[in-house]
């Protein structure tokens, strides 16, 4: 039973941030597309803003790995 709970906790540690990241990136992507239509010189900034939420998934993966290793 303990391994099942650990696996469930690891799945939540990756799944919830992944859903939040998908939601955030959809909003940032829509706003970024509108911004790029008006100011194409902001391409680098938009790419960085799209990459920032992805760190949540990476950190969730690290937490899940720590849960499963311990």
PDB file of N, CA and C in Angstrom:
ATOM      1  N   UNK A   1       0.821  -1.200   0.000  1.00  0.00           N
ATOM      2  CA  UNK A   1       0.000   0.000   0.000  1.00  0.00           C
ATOM      3  C   UNK A   1       0.865   1.264   0.000  1.00  0.00           C
ATOM      4  N   UNK A   2       1.998   1.182   0.681  1.00  0.00           N
ATOM      5  CA  UNK A   2       2.872   2.343   0.763  1.00  0.00           C
ATOM      6  C   UNK A   2       3.427   2.726  -0.608  1.00  0.00           C
ATOM      7  N   UNK A   3       3.775   1.726  -1.413  1.00  0.00           N
ATOM      8  CA  UNK A   3       4.313   2.012  -2.750  1.00  0.00           C
ATOM      9  C   UNK A   3       3.253   2.634  -3.648  1.00  0.00           C
ATOM     10  N   UNK A   4       2.015   2.235  -3.459  1.00  0.00           N
ATOM     11  CA  UNK A   4       0.929   2.810  -4.255  1.00  0.00           C
ATOM     12  C   UNK A   4       0.768   4.288  -3.931  1.00  0.00           C
ATOM     13  N   UNK A   5       0.824   4.627  -2.655  1.00  0.00           N
ATOM     14  CA  UNK A   5       0.695   6.027  -2.261  1.00  0.00           C
ATOM     15  C   UNK A   5       1.879   6.858  -2.744  1.00  0.00           C
ATOM     16  N   UNK A   6       3.070   6.273  -2.719  1.00  0.00           N
ATOM     17  CA  UNK A   6       4.239   6.984  -3.216  1.00  0.00           C
ATOM     18  C   UNK A   6       4.126   7.222  -4.721  1.00  0.00           C
ATOM     19  N   UNK A   7       3.639   6.238  -5.449  1.00  0.00           N
ATOM     20  CA  UNK A   7       3.459   6.394  -6.894  1.00  0.00           C
ATOM     21  C   UNK A   7       2.391   7.443  -7.185  1.00  0.00           C
ATOM     22  N   UNK A   8       1.333   7.449  -6.397  1.00  0.00           N
ATOM     23  CA  UNK A   8       0.278   8.443  -6.568  1.00  0.00           C
ATOM     24  C   UNK A   8       0.802   9.845  -6.272  1.00  0.00           C
ATOM     25  N   UNK A   9       1.604   9.987  -5.234  1.00  0.00           N
ATOM     26  CA  UNK A   9       2.190  11.283  -4.896  1.00  0.00           C
ATOM     27  C   UNK A   9       3.128  11.756  -6.003  1.00  0.00           C
ATOM     28  N   UNK A  10       3.903  10.828  -6.561  1.00  0.00           N
ATOM     29  CA  UNK A  10       4.807  11.191  -7.657  1.00  0.00           C
ATOM     30  C   UNK A  10       4.020  11.609  -8.895  1.00  0.00           C
ATOM     31  N   UNK A  11       2.922  10.914  -9.162  1.00  0.00           N
ATOM     32  CA  UNK A  11       2.089  11.278 -10.314  1.00  0.00           C
ATOM     33  C   UNK A  11       1.471  12.661 -10.124  1.00  0.00           C
ATOM     34  N   UNK A  12       1.046  12.958  -8.908  1.00  0.00           N
ATOM     35  CA  UNK A  12       0.509  14.291  -8.631  1.00  0.00           C
ATOM     36  C   UNK A  12       1.588  15.364  -8.727  1.00  0.00           C
ATOM     37  N   UNK A  13       2.814  15.019  -8.322  1.00  0.00           N
ATOM     38  CA  UNK A  13       3.909  15.989  -8.358  1.00  0.00           C
ATOM     39  C   UNK A  13       4.257  16.387  -9.784  1.00  0.00           C
ATOM     40  N   UNK A  14       4.005  15.521 -10.741  1.00  0.00           N
ATOM     41  CA  UNK A  14       4.269  15.855 -12.141  1.00  0.00           C
ATOM     42  C   UNK A  14       2.991  16.341 -12.832  1.00  0.00           C
ATOM     43  N   UNK A  15       1.881  15.714 -12.550  1.00  0.00           N
ATOM     44  CA  UNK A  15       0.642  15.993 -13.269  1.00  0.00           C
ATOM     45  C   UNK A  15       0.053  17.363 -13.013  1.00  0.00           C
ATOM     46  N   UNK A  16      -0.009  17.773 -11.764  1.00  0.00           N
ATOM     47  CA  UNK A  16      -0.610  19.070 -11.456  1.00  0.00           C
ATOM     48  C   UNK A  16       0.199  20.244 -12.019  1.00  0.00           C
ATOM     49  N   UNK A  17       1.518  20.254 -11.855  1.00  0.00           N
ATOM     50  CA  UNK A  17       2.266  21.342 -12.502  1.00  0.00           C
ATOM     51  C   UNK A  17       2.178  21.301 -14.031  1.00  0.00           C
ATOM     52  N   UNK A  18       2.050  20.106 -14.592  1.00  0.00           N
ATOM     53  CA  UNK A  18       1.925  20.008 -16.048  1.00  0.00           C
ATOM     54  C   UNK A  18       0.621  20.649 -16.524  1.00  0.00           C
ATOM     55  N   UNK A  19      -0.449  20.419 -15.790  1.00  0.00           N
ATOM     56  CA  UNK A  19      -1.723  21.049 -16.146  1.00  0.00           C
ATOM     57  C   UNK A  19      -1.655  22.563 -15.984  1.00  0.00           C
ATOM     58  N   UNK A  20      -1.050  23.021 -14.905  1.00  0.00           N
ATOM     59  CA  UNK A  20      -0.919  24.459 -14.691  1.00  0.00           C
ATOM     60  C   UNK A  20      -0.047  25.104 -15.764  1.00  0.00           C
ATOM     61  N   UNK A  21       1.019  24.419 -16.147  1.00  0.00           N
ATOM     62  CA  UNK A  21       1.898  24.934 -17.187  1.00  0.00           C
ATOM     63  C   UNK A  21       1.176  25.003 -18.523  1.00  0.00           C
ATOM     64  N   UNK A  22       0.401  23.989 -18.840  1.00  0.00           N
ATOM     65  CA  UNK A  22      -0.343  23.995 -20.100  1.00  0.00           C
ATOM     66  C   UNK A  22      -1.327  25.160 -20.140  1.00  0.00           C
ATOM     67  N   UNK A  23      -1.989  25.407 -19.024  1.00  0.00           N
ATOM     68  CA  UNK A  23      -2.939  26.522 -18.958  1.00  0.00           C
ATOM     69  C   UNK A  23      -2.205  27.855 -19.120  1.00  0.00           C
ATOM     70  N   UNK A  24      -1.086  28.015 -18.407  1.00  0.00           N
ATOM     71  CA  UNK A  24      -0.331  29.270 -18.476  1.00  0.00           C
ATOM     72  C   UNK A  24       0.238  29.493 -19.873  1.00  0.00           C
ATOM     73  N   UNK A  25       0.784  28.446 -20.476  1.00  0.00           N
ATOM     74  CA  UNK A  25       1.371  28.604 -21.797  1.00  0.00           C
ATOM     75  C   UNK A  25       0.314  28.892 -22.862  1.00  0.00           C
ATOM     76  N   UNK A  26      -0.882  28.388 -22.678  1.00  0.00           N
ATOM     77  CA  UNK A  26      -1.927  28.711 -23.652  1.00  0.00           C
ATOM     78  C   UNK A  26      -2.268  30.196 -23.595  1.00  0.00           C
ATOM     79  N   UNK A  27      -2.311  30.745 -22.381  1.00  0.00           N
ATOM     80  CA  UNK A  27      -2.595  32.179 -22.238  1.00  0.00           C
ATOM     81  C   UNK A  27      -1.429  33.023 -22.751  1.00  0.00           C
ATOM     82  N   UNK A  28      -0.215  32.622 -22.401  1.00  0.00           N
ATOM     83  CA  UNK A  28       0.964  33.372 -22.839  1.00  0.00           C
ATOM     84  C   UNK A  28       1.114  33.286 -24.357  1.00  0.00           C
ATOM     85  N   UNK A  29       0.838  32.116 -24.922  1.00  0.00           N
ATOM     86  CA  UNK A  29       0.963  31.948 -26.365  1.00  0.00           C
ATOM     87  C   UNK A  29      -0.018  32.816 -27.131  1.00  0.00           C
ATOM     88  N   UNK A  30      -1.243  32.890 -26.648  1.00  0.00           N
ATOM     89  CA  UNK A  30      -2.239  33.737 -27.323  1.00  0.00           C
ATOM     90  C   UNK A  30      -1.856  35.201 -27.235  1.00  0.00           C
ATOM     91  N   UNK A  31      -1.434  35.633 -26.061  1.00  0.00           N
ATOM     92  CA  UNK A  31      -1.022  37.029 -25.908  1.00  0.00           C
ATOM     93  C   UNK A  31       0.252  37.299 -26.709  1.00  0.00           C
ATOM     94  N   UNK A  32       1.152  36.333 -26.734  1.00  0.00           N
ATOM     95  CA  UNK A  32       2.400  36.494 -27.475  1.00  0.00           C
ATOM     96  C   UNK A  32       2.172  36.600 -28.967  1.00  0.00           C
ATOM     97  N   UNK A  33       1.218  35.838 -29.481  1.00  0.00           N
ATOM     98  CA  UNK A  33       0.919  35.919 -30.908  1.00  0.00           C
ATOM     99  C   UNK A  33       0.389  37.302 -31.276  1.00  0.00           C
ATOM    100  N   UNK A  34      -0.447  37.855 -30.419  1.00  0.00           N
ATOM    101  CA  UNK A  34      -0.949  39.203 -30.666  1.00  0.00           C
ATOM    102  C   UNK A  34       0.149  40.243 -30.571  1.00  0.00           C
ATOM    103  N   UNK A  35       1.050  40.041 -29.611  1.00  0.00           N
ATOM    104  CA  UNK A  35       2.161  40.980 -29.453  1.00  0.00           C
ATOM    105  C   UNK A  35       3.098  40.933 -30.653  1.00  0.00           C
ATOM    106  N   UNK A  36       3.389  39.719 -31.128  1.00  0.00           N
ATOM    107  CA  UNK A  36       4.296  39.585 -32.268  1.00  0.00           C
ATOM    108  C   UNK A  36       3.701  40.151 -33.548  1.00  0.00           C
ATOM    109  N   UNK A  37       2.384  40.160 -33.645  1.00  0.00           N
ATOM    110  CA  UNK A  37       1.756  40.752 -34.824  1.00  0.00           C
ATOM    111  C   UNK A  37       1.990  42.257 -34.866  1.00  0.00           C
ATOM    112  N   UNK A  38       2.068  42.867 -33.681  1.00  0.00           N
ATOM    113  CA  UNK A  38       2.267  44.312 -33.626  1.00  0.00           C
ATOM    114  C   UNK A  38       3.735  44.712 -33.517  1.00  0.00           C
ATOM    115  N   UNK A  39       4.515  43.922 -32.756  1.00  0.00           N
ATOM    116  CA  UNK A  39       5.928  44.257 -32.538  1.00  0.00           C
ATOM    117  C   UNK A  39       6.790  43.016 -32.723  1.00  0.00           C
ATOM    118  N   UNK A  40       7.209  42.708 -33.937  1.00  0.00           N
ATOM    119  CA  UNK A  40       8.004  41.493 -34.186  1.00  0.00           C
ATOM    120  C   UNK A  40       9.365  41.490 -33.487  1.00  0.00           C
ATOM    121  N   UNK A  41       9.846  42.638 -33.041  1.00  0.00           N
ATOM    122  CA  UNK A  41      11.148  42.681 -32.382  1.00  0.00           C
ATOM    123  C   UNK A  41      11.123  42.082 -30.977  1.00  0.00           C
ATOM    124  N   UNK A  42       9.954  41.754 -30.466  1.00  0.00           N
ATOM    125  CA  UNK A  42       9.830  41.152 -29.135  1.00  0.00           C
ATOM    126  C   UNK A  42       9.832  39.621 -29.162  1.00  0.00           C
ATOM    127  N   UNK A  43      10.299  39.030 -30.235  1.00  0.00           N
ATOM    128  CA  UNK A  43      10.287  37.572 -30.372  1.00  0.00           C
ATOM    129  C   UNK A  43      11.047  36.884 -29.247  1.00  0.00           C
ATOM    130  N   UNK A  44      12.232  37.372 -28.933  1.00  0.00           N
ATOM    131  CA  UNK A  44      13.042  36.759 -27.875  1.00  0.00           C
ATOM    132  C   UNK A  44      12.357  36.813 -26.525  1.00  0.00           C
ATOM    133  N   UNK A  45      11.732  37.928 -26.232  1.00  0.00           N
ATOM    134  CA  UNK A  45      11.025  38.077 -24.961  1.00  0.00           C
ATOM    135  C   UNK A  45       9.865  37.094 -24.860  1.00  0.00           C
ATOM    136  N   UNK A  46       9.124  36.927 -25.926  1.00  0.00           N
ATOM    137  CA  UNK A  46       7.984  36.009 -25.922  1.00  0.00           C
ATOM    138  C   UNK A  46       8.465  34.570 -25.733  1.00  0.00           C
ATOM    139  N   UNK A  47       9.559  34.212 -26.371  1.00  0.00           N
ATOM    140  CA  UNK A  47      10.095  32.847 -26.215  1.00  0.00           C
ATOM    141  C   UNK A  47      10.503  32.604 -24.770  1.00  0.00           C
ATOM    142  N   UNK A  48      11.135  33.590 -24.149  1.00  0.00           N
ATOM    143  CA  UNK A  48      11.527  33.448 -22.742  1.00  0.00           C
ATOM    144  C   UNK A  48      10.295  33.324 -21.859  1.00  0.00           C
ATOM    145  N   UNK A  49       9.282  34.141 -22.117  1.00  0.00           N
ATOM    146  CA  UNK A  49       8.056  34.071 -21.311  1.00  0.00           C
ATOM    147  C   UNK A  49       7.343  32.727 -21.478  1.00  0.00           C
ATOM    148  N   UNK A  50       7.467  32.109 -22.638  1.00  0.00           N
ATOM    149  CA  UNK A  50       6.879  30.782 -22.830  1.00  0.00           C
ATOM    150  C   UNK A  50       7.684  29.696 -22.112  1.00  0.00           C
ATOM    151  N   UNK A  51       8.979  29.916 -21.948  1.00  0.00           N
ATOM    152  CA  UNK A  51       9.834  28.901 -21.325  1.00  0.00           C
ATOM    153  C   UNK A  51       9.771  28.929 -19.804  1.00  0.00           C
ATOM    154  N   UNK A  52       9.442  30.054 -19.215  1.00  0.00           N
ATOM    155  CA  UNK A  52       9.452  30.178 -17.758  1.00  0.00           C
ATOM    156  C   UNK A  52       8.483  29.205 -17.072  1.00  0.00           C
ATOM    157  N   UNK A  53       7.235  29.070 -17.504  1.00  0.00           N
ATOM    158  CA  UNK A  53       6.343  28.130 -16.815  1.00  0.00           C
ATOM    159  C   UNK A  53       6.796  26.668 -16.916  1.00  0.00           C
ATOM    160  N   UNK A  54       7.606  26.371 -17.914  1.00  0.00           N
ATOM    161  CA  UNK A  54       8.069  24.992 -18.096  1.00  0.00           C
ATOM    162  C   UNK A  54       8.927  24.537 -16.924  1.00  0.00           C
ATOM    163  N   UNK A  55       9.504  25.490 -16.188  1.00  0.00           N
ATOM    164  CA  UNK A  55      10.316  25.112 -15.034  1.00  0.00           C
ATOM    165  C   UNK A  55       9.474  24.444 -13.951  1.00  0.00           C
ATOM    166  N   UNK A  56       8.173  24.738 -13.912  1.00  0.00           N
ATOM    167  CA  UNK A  56       7.303  24.081 -12.926  1.00  0.00           C
ATOM    168  C   UNK A  56       7.258  22.575 -13.173  1.00  0.00           C
ATOM    169  N   UNK A  57       7.176  22.170 -14.427  1.00  0.00           N
ATOM    170  CA  UNK A  57       7.133  20.744 -14.748  1.00  0.00           C
ATOM    171  C   UNK A  57       8.463  20.086 -14.427  1.00  0.00           C
ATOM    172  N   UNK A  58       9.555  20.779 -14.724  1.00  0.00           N
ATOM    173  CA  UNK A  58      10.877  20.227 -14.427  1.00  0.00           C
ATOM    174  C   UNK A  58      11.044  20.046 -12.927  1.00  0.00           C
ATOM    175  N   UNK A  59      10.643  21.035 -12.144  1.00  0.00           N
ATOM    176  CA  UNK A  59      10.736  20.901 -10.692  1.00  0.00           C
ATOM    177  C   UNK A  59       9.794  19.820 -10.170  1.00  0.00           C
ATOM    178  N   UNK A  60       8.616  19.688 -10.760  1.00  0.00           N
ATOM    179  CA  UNK A  60       7.707  18.614 -10.372  1.00  0.00           C
ATOM    180  C   UNK A  60       8.304  17.247 -10.662  1.00  0.00           C
ATOM    181  N   UNK A  61       9.011  17.137 -11.785  1.00  0.00           N
ATOM    182  CA  UNK A  61       9.683  15.882 -12.108  1.00  0.00           C
ATOM    183  C   UNK A  61      10.778  15.568 -11.106  1.00  0.00           C
ATOM    184  N   UNK A  62      11.520  16.582 -10.686  1.00  0.00           N
ATOM    185  CA  UNK A  62      12.573  16.378  -9.684  1.00  0.00           C
ATOM    186  C   UNK A  62      11.968  15.919  -8.362  1.00  0.00           C
ATOM    187  N   UNK A  63      10.873  16.539  -7.956  1.00  0.00           N
ATOM    188  CA  UNK A  63      10.203  16.142  -6.721  1.00  0.00           C
ATOM    189  C   UNK A  63       9.690  14.704  -6.828  1.00  0.00           C
ATOM    190  N   UNK A  64       9.116  14.356  -7.977  1.00  0.00           N
ATOM    191  CA  UNK A  64       8.622  12.993  -8.169  1.00  0.00           C
ATOM    192  C   UNK A  64       9.766  11.983  -8.103  1.00  0.00           C
ATOM    193  N   UNK A  65      10.898  12.325  -8.687  1.00  0.00           N
ATOM    194  CA  UNK A  65      12.055  11.431  -8.627  1.00  0.00           C
ATOM    195  C   UNK A  65      12.528  11.277  -7.191  1.00  0.00           C
ATOM    196  N   UNK A  66      12.516  12.359  -6.432  1.00  0.00           N
ATOM    197  CA  UNK A  66      12.926  12.267  -5.026  1.00  0.00           C
ATOM    198  C   UNK A  66      11.947  11.422  -4.223  1.00  0.00           C
ATOM    199  N   UNK A  67      10.665  11.545  -4.513  1.00  0.00           N
ATOM    200  CA  UNK A  67       9.664  10.736  -3.802  1.00  0.00           C
ATOM    201  C   UNK A  67       9.887   9.251  -4.080  1.00  0.00           C
ATOM    202  N   UNK A  68      10.138   8.908  -5.336  1.00  0.00           N
ATOM    203  CA  UNK A  68      10.266   7.491  -5.704  1.00  0.00           C
ATOM    204  C   UNK A  68      11.589   6.895  -5.251  1.00  0.00           C
ATOM    205  N   UNK A  69      12.627   7.714  -5.131  1.00  0.00           N
ATOM    206  CA  UNK A  69      13.925   7.184  -4.708  1.00  0.00           C
ATOM    207  C   UNK A  69      13.962   6.932  -3.215  1.00  0.00           C
ATOM    208  N   UNK A  70      13.326   7.795  -2.446  1.00  0.00           N
ATOM    209  CA  UNK A  70      13.355   7.637  -0.989  1.00  0.00           C
ATOM    210  C   UNK A  70      12.482   6.548  -0.481  1.00  0.00           C
TER     211      UNK A  70
END
